[in-house]
Every structure is written in structure tokens, then in C-alpha cells.
Amino acid sequence: MKQPPPRRYIQSFQAERFYKGRRHYWTVCREDKPDELVSWGYALTLELAETAAQNEVDALSSGQTKGGRVIDTSKPAINRRCWHC
């Protein structure tokens, strides 16, 4: 039985001001349906956004995910102090 051709995806990027810095948003759409958003997210730098978008395309292509918002996992850990302890 012949397998269908693999799906191809379009990645796009846009930077927007956010407080004192910038957020780099990325989106992934299917090539055959460019108006339908498959997945999106944001990162602190364009390089991180490009990496996250490519990782999402790889996951979509392998069937590991079906899309949606991808939570940024590249944020540094915040040192929180308990004031009432």
C-alpha cells in the first residue's frame, strides 16, 4: 500500500515589543492550508523561536503532537523567596 506524501509546513516569525524587551512569536501552518494555524508559541530571541518552531515541525511530522500552543521552556528559573516562612 502506498503511503501518502509527508505533510509540509510553513514557519513564520514576528517580533513585538513586550515590556522593556521583545517577544519573538512563531507560527506553523500546513503548506496545503496556509490559513489554518497548526501551532504557535514565542521565545525571547529569534534564534530560540526558530529552534522551537523547527522542533514543533519535527514533532508534527513524526506524529508526536497534533499542534496547539507550545509553552516556552527556555525561560530561566526564577528564584522565589517565601516572605512568610
C-alpha atoms as a PDB file:
ATOM      1  CA  MET A   1       0.000   0.000   0.000  1.00  0.00           C
ATOM      2  CA  LYS A   2       1.348   3.411  -0.971  1.00  0.00           C
ATOM      3  CA  GLN A   3       1.814   5.921   1.844  1.00  0.00           C
ATOM      4  CA  PRO A   4       0.635   9.497   1.376  1.00  0.00           C
ATOM      5  CA  PRO A   5       3.373  12.114   0.939  1.00  0.00           C
ATOM      6  CA  PRO A   6       4.572  13.713   4.164  1.00  0.00           C
ATOM      7  CA  ARG A   7       2.899  16.967   5.155  1.00  0.00           C
ATOM      8  CA  ARG A   8       4.885  20.107   4.673  1.00  0.00           C
ATOM      9  CA  TYR A   9       4.690  23.092   6.992  1.00  0.00           C
ATOM     10  CA  ILE A  10       5.270  26.831   6.729  1.00  0.00           C
ATOM     11  CA  GLN A  11       7.003  28.641   9.590  1.00  0.00           C
ATOM     12  CA  SER A  12       6.633  32.378  10.140  1.00  0.00           C
ATOM     13  CA  PHE A  13       8.128  34.726  12.714  1.00  0.00           C
ATOM     14  CA  GLN A  14       7.243  38.148  14.077  1.00  0.00           C
ATOM     15  CA  ALA A  15       8.853  40.268  16.799  1.00  0.00           C
ATOM     16  CA  GLU A  16       6.763  42.514  19.053  1.00  0.00           C
ATOM     17  CA  ARG A  17       7.608  44.782  21.944  1.00  0.00           C
ATOM     18  CA  PHE A  18       6.854  43.315  25.337  1.00  0.00           C
ATOM     19  CA  TYR A  19       7.506  45.436  28.412  1.00  0.00           C
ATOM     20  CA  LYS A  20      11.158  46.522  28.066  1.00  0.00           C
ATOM     21  CA  GLY A  21      12.149  43.833  25.576  1.00  0.00           C
ATOM     22  CA  ARG A  22      10.805  41.863  22.659  1.00  0.00           C
ATOM     23  CA  ARG A  23       8.951  38.619  22.157  1.00  0.00           C
ATOM     24  CA  HIS A  24       9.550  36.639  19.020  1.00  0.00           C
ATOM     25  CA  TYR A  25       6.341  34.880  18.045  1.00  0.00           C
ATOM     26  CA  TRP A  26       6.374  31.908  15.706  1.00  0.00           C
ATOM     27  CA  THR A  27       3.562  30.133  13.907  1.00  0.00           C
ATOM     28  CA  VAL A  28       3.341  26.886  11.971  1.00  0.00           C
ATOM     29  CA  CYS A  29       0.760  26.295   9.240  1.00  0.00           C
ATOM     30  CA  ARG A  30       0.294  23.442   6.782  1.00  0.00           C
ATOM     31  CA  GLU A  31       1.552  24.196   3.285  1.00  0.00           C
ATOM     32  CA  ASP A  32      -1.690  22.982   1.687  1.00  0.00           C
ATOM     33  CA  LYS A  33      -3.824  25.077   4.116  1.00  0.00           C
ATOM     34  CA  PRO A  34      -1.764  28.193   4.940  1.00  0.00           C
ATOM     35  CA  ASP A  35      -4.729  29.988   6.545  1.00  0.00           C
ATOM     36  CA  GLU A  36      -5.147  27.319   9.226  1.00  0.00           C
ATOM     37  CA  LEU A  37      -2.919  27.777  12.252  1.00  0.00           C
ATOM     38  CA  VAL A  38      -1.479  24.461  13.414  1.00  0.00           C
ATOM     39  CA  SER A  39       0.811  25.565  16.228  1.00  0.00           C
ATOM     40  CA  TRP A  40       2.291  28.709  17.755  1.00  0.00           C
ATOM     41  CA  GLY A  41       4.465  29.984  20.562  1.00  0.00           C
ATOM     42  CA  TYR A  42       7.002  32.626  21.466  1.00  0.00           C
ATOM     43  CA  ALA A  43      10.557  32.940  22.715  1.00  0.00           C
ATOM     44  CA  LEU A  44      12.872  35.658  23.992  1.00  0.00           C
ATOM     45  CA  THR A  45      15.157  35.637  20.945  1.00  0.00           C
ATOM     46  CA  LEU A  46      14.710  34.937  17.247  1.00  0.00           C
ATOM     47  CA  GLU A  47      17.150  32.029  17.469  1.00  0.00           C
ATOM     48  CA  LEU A  48      15.114  30.382  20.238  1.00  0.00           C
ATOM     49  CA  ALA A  49      11.912  30.975  18.267  1.00  0.00           C
ATOM     50  CA  GLU A  50      13.427  29.368  15.163  1.00  0.00           C
ATOM     51  CA  THR A  51      14.572  26.372  17.190  1.00  0.00           C
ATOM     52  CA  ALA A  52      11.190  25.971  18.897  1.00  0.00           C
ATOM     53  CA  ALA A  53       9.328  26.220  15.578  1.00  0.00           C
ATOM     54  CA  GLN A  54      11.607  23.628  13.963  1.00  0.00           C
ATOM     55  CA  ASN A  55      11.205  21.301  16.959  1.00  0.00           C
ATOM     56  CA  GLU A  56       7.428  21.639  16.629  1.00  0.00           C
ATOM     57  CA  VAL A  57       7.562  20.869  12.882  1.00  0.00           C
ATOM     58  CA  ASP A  58       9.678  17.800  13.637  1.00  0.00           C
ATOM     59  CA  ALA A  59       7.161  16.680  16.290  1.00  0.00           C
ATOM     60  CA  LEU A  60       4.220  17.274  13.943  1.00  0.00           C
ATOM     61  CA  SER A  61       5.927  15.360  11.135  1.00  0.00           C
ATOM     62  CA  SER A  62       6.634  12.384  13.385  1.00  0.00           C
ATOM     63  CA  GLY A  63       3.125  12.373  14.867  1.00  0.00           C
ATOM     64  CA  GLN A  64       4.280  13.168  18.409  1.00  0.00           C
ATOM     65  CA  THR A  65       1.933  16.159  18.638  1.00  0.00           C
ATOM     66  CA  LYS A  66      -1.170  17.476  16.925  1.00  0.00           C
ATOM     67  CA  GLY A  67      -0.306  21.155  17.383  1.00  0.00           C
ATOM     68  CA  GLY A  68      -1.593  23.946  19.576  1.00  0.00           C
ATOM     69  CA  ARG A  69       0.231  26.437  21.738  1.00  0.00           C
ATOM     70  CA  VAL A  70       3.724  25.433  22.705  1.00  0.00           C
ATOM     71  CA  ILE A  71       4.788  26.689  26.115  1.00  0.00           C
ATOM     72  CA  ASP A  72       8.218  28.301  26.193  1.00  0.00           C
ATOM     73  CA  THR A  73      10.519  26.004  28.155  1.00  0.00           C
ATOM     74  CA  SER A  74      13.637  28.134  27.655  1.00  0.00           C
ATOM     75  CA  LYS A  75      12.843  30.628  30.434  1.00  0.00           C
ATOM     76  CA  PRO A  76      15.352  30.761  33.256  1.00  0.00           C
ATOM     77  CA  ALA A  77      14.211  29.509  36.619  1.00  0.00           C
ATOM     78  CA  ILE A  78      13.003  32.242  38.951  1.00  0.00           C
ATOM     79  CA  ASN A  79      14.390  32.318  42.459  1.00  0.00           C
ATOM     80  CA  ARG A  80      11.340  32.863  44.645  1.00  0.00           C
ATOM     81  CA  ARG A  81      11.606  33.763  48.280  1.00  0.00           C
ATOM     82  CA  CYS A  82       8.978  32.865  50.834  1.00  0.00           C
ATOM     83  CA  TRP A  83       8.410  36.003  52.934  1.00  0.00           C
ATOM     84  CA  HIS A  84       6.057  34.435  55.468  1.00  0.00           C
ATOM     85  CA  CYS A  85       8.332  31.494  56.413  1.00  0.00           C
END
